[in-house]
C-alpha atoms as a PDB file:
ATOM      1  CA  MET A   1      71.452 101.567 119.195  1.00  0.00           C
ATOM      2  CA  ARG A   2      69.264 102.152 122.208  1.00  0.00           C
ATOM      3  CA  ALA A   3      72.202 103.732 124.089  1.00  0.00           C
ATOM      4  CA  VAL A   4      72.892 106.060 121.142  1.00  0.00           C
ATOM      5  CA  GLU A   5      69.236 107.085 120.969  1.00  0.00           C
ATOM      6  CA  THR A   6      69.143 107.728 124.721  1.00  0.00           C
ATOM      7  CA  ALA A   7      72.281 109.885 124.526  1.00  0.00           C
ATOM      8  CA  ALA A   8      70.890 111.755 121.497  1.00  0.00           C
ATOM      9  CA  LYS A   9      67.662 112.473 123.404  1.00  0.00           C
ATOM     10  CA  GLN A  10      69.633 113.851 126.351  1.00  0.00           C
ATOM     11  CA  VAL A  11      71.677 116.101 124.059  1.00  0.00           C
ATOM     12  CA  SER A  12      68.614 117.313 122.153  1.00  0.00           C
ATOM     13  CA  ASP A  13      66.796 118.145 125.401  1.00  0.00           C
ATOM     14  CA  ARG A  14      69.813 119.947 126.837  1.00  0.00           C
ATOM     15  CA  ARG A  15      70.458 121.959 123.667  1.00  0.00           C
ATOM     16  CA  SER A  16      66.843 122.439 122.556  1.00  0.00           C
ATOM     17  CA  VAL A  17      67.474 120.855 119.166  1.00  0.00           C
ATOM     18  CA  SER A  18      65.823 118.052 117.247  1.00  0.00           C
ATOM     19  CA  ILE A  19      67.730 114.860 116.464  1.00  0.00           C
ATOM     20  CA  GLN A  20      66.396 112.042 114.290  1.00  0.00           C
ATOM     21  CA  THR A  21      68.075 108.638 114.074  1.00  0.00           C
ATOM     22  CA  GLU A  22      67.637 105.913 111.503  1.00  0.00           C
ATOM     23  CA  LEU A  23      69.104 102.423 111.707  1.00  0.00           C
ATOM     24  CA  ILE A  24      70.531 101.710 108.256  1.00  0.00           C
ATOM     25  CA  ASN A  25      72.013  98.269 108.899  1.00  0.00           C
ATOM     26  CA  ALA A  26      72.405  95.852 111.764  1.00  0.00           C
ATOM     27  CA  ASP A  27      74.852  93.286 110.431  1.00  0.00           C
ATOM     28  CA  SER A  28      76.711  91.235 113.003  1.00  0.00           C
ATOM     29  CA  PRO A  29      80.420  91.983 113.431  1.00  0.00           C
ATOM     30  CA  GLY A  30      82.885  89.897 111.467  1.00  0.00           C
ATOM     31  CA  GLU A  31      84.286  86.988 113.436  1.00  0.00           C
ATOM     32  CA  CYS A  32      87.660  85.484 112.728  1.00  0.00           C
ATOM     33  CA  LYS A  33      88.261  81.783 113.262  1.00  0.00           C
ATOM     34  CA  PRO A  34      89.961  81.119 116.626  1.00  0.00           C
ATOM     35  CA  GLU A  35      92.858  79.292 114.957  1.00  0.00           C
ATOM     36  CA  VAL A  36      93.595  82.349 112.783  1.00  0.00           C
ATOM     37  CA  ILE A  37      93.588  84.645 115.823  1.00  0.00           C
ATOM     38  CA  ALA A  38      95.867  82.168 117.638  1.00  0.00           C
ATOM     39  CA  ALA A  39      98.321  82.172 114.693  1.00  0.00           C
ATOM     40  CA  PHE A  40      98.441  85.994 114.562  1.00  0.00           C
ATOM     41  CA  SER A  41      98.850  86.200 118.344  1.00  0.00           C
ATOM     42  CA  ALA A  42     101.660  83.627 118.368  1.00  0.00           C
ATOM     43  CA  SER A  43     103.465  85.464 115.577  1.00  0.00           C
ATOM     44  CA  CYS A  44     103.227  88.779 117.434  1.00  0.00           C
ATOM     45  CA  ARG A  45     104.551  87.194 120.626  1.00  0.00           C
ATOM     46  CA  LYS A  46     107.382  85.503 118.723  1.00  0.00           C
ATOM     47  CA  HIS A  47     108.487  88.825 117.237  1.00  0.00           C
ATOM     48  CA  GLY A  48     107.942  90.870 120.401  1.00  0.00           C
ATOM     49  CA  GLN A  49     105.089  92.892 118.929  1.00  0.00           C
ATOM     50  CA  LYS A  50     102.165  94.220 120.935  1.00  0.00           C
ATOM     51  CA  PHE A  51      98.724  93.248 119.685  1.00  0.00           C
ATOM     52  CA  LEU A  52      95.104  93.781 120.572  1.00  0.00           C
ATOM     53  CA  PRO A  53      92.425  91.497 119.126  1.00  0.00           C
ATOM     54  CA  MET A  54      89.401  93.621 118.213  1.00  0.00           C
ATOM     55  CA  VAL A  55      85.939  93.064 116.812  1.00  0.00           C
ATOM     56  CA  SER A  56      85.609  94.256 113.227  1.00  0.00           C
ATOM     57  CA  ARG A  57      82.607  96.434 112.415  1.00  0.00           C
ATOM     58  CA  ALA A  58      84.112  97.879 109.259  1.00  0.00           C
ATOM     59  CA  TYR A  59      81.525  97.732 106.511  1.00  0.00           C
ATOM     60  CA  HIS A  60      83.528  96.284 103.639  1.00  0.00           C
ATOM     61  CA  ASP A  61      84.040  92.966 101.896  1.00  0.00           C
ATOM     62  CA  THR A  62      85.968  91.406 104.797  1.00  0.00           C
ATOM     63  CA  LEU A  63      82.844  91.616 106.960  1.00  0.00           C
ATOM     64  CA  PHE A  64      80.878  89.528 104.486  1.00  0.00           C
ATOM     65  CA  MET A  65      83.720  87.172 103.529  1.00  0.00           C
ATOM     66  CA  ALA A  66      84.298  86.345 107.211  1.00  0.00           C
ATOM     67  CA  ARG A  67      80.929  84.587 107.160  1.00  0.00           C
ATOM     68  CA  VAL A  68      82.138  81.987 104.658  1.00  0.00           C
ATOM     69  CA  THR A  69      85.948  81.947 105.007  1.00  0.00           C
ATOM     70  CA  GLY A  70      88.700  82.460 107.548  1.00  0.00           C
ATOM     71  CA  SER A  71      88.985  86.055 106.398  1.00  0.00           C
ATOM     72  CA  HIS A  72      90.604  88.500 108.778  1.00  0.00           C
ATOM     73  CA  ALA A  73      92.013  92.010 108.610  1.00  0.00           C
ATOM     74  CA  ILE A  74      95.240  93.139 110.254  1.00  0.00           C
ATOM     75  CA  HIS A  75      95.697  96.753 111.223  1.00  0.00           C
ATOM     76  CA  SER A  76      99.012  97.838 112.613  1.00  0.00           C
ATOM     77  CA  VAL A  77     100.411 100.931 114.199  1.00  0.00           C
ATOM     78  CA  LEU A  78     104.079 101.298 113.457  1.00  0.00           C
ATOM     79  CA  GLN A  79     106.369 103.389 115.568  1.00  0.00           C
ATOM     80  CA  ARG A  80     109.421 104.854 113.997  1.00  0.00           C
ATOM     81  CA  VAL A  81     112.058 106.771 115.940  1.00  0.00           C
ATOM     82  CA  GLN A  82     113.027 109.989 114.221  1.00  0.00           C
ATOM     83  CA  PRO A  83     116.851 110.130 114.114  1.00  0.00           C
ATOM     84  CA  SER A  84     117.020 113.898 114.565  1.00  0.00           C
ATOM     85  CA  SER A  85     114.780 114.113 117.634  1.00  0.00           C
ATOM     86  CA  GLY A  86     114.932 110.657 119.152  1.00  0.00           C
ATOM     87  CA  ARG A  87     111.119 110.785 119.452  1.00  0.00           C
ATOM     88  CA  ALA A  88     108.792 108.040 118.315  1.00  0.00           C
ATOM     89  CA  ARG A  89     106.264 108.922 115.661  1.00  0.00           C
ATOM     90  CA  VAL A  90     103.128 106.835 115.156  1.00  0.00           C
ATOM     91  CA  HIS A  91     102.138 106.072 111.556  1.00  0.00           C
END
């Protein structure tokens, strides 16, 4: 938050505008159990899929359930080759 406030101050000084910030929540990021991450990673490797483990800061039920369960969210980017152009399209 301090970095955001510092950047906001620099912008407000440079542009002669006023910026106010307010911290609404400071919940820790959701953490997935290491064995769940290992299972997802192994499955991706097995099927030749790229993956990138990331910290979840999404503010929804998974964040809170991760505190008491092995909850985890999977987000994927699928590439599909368009037959007419031969180009990949990200969905």
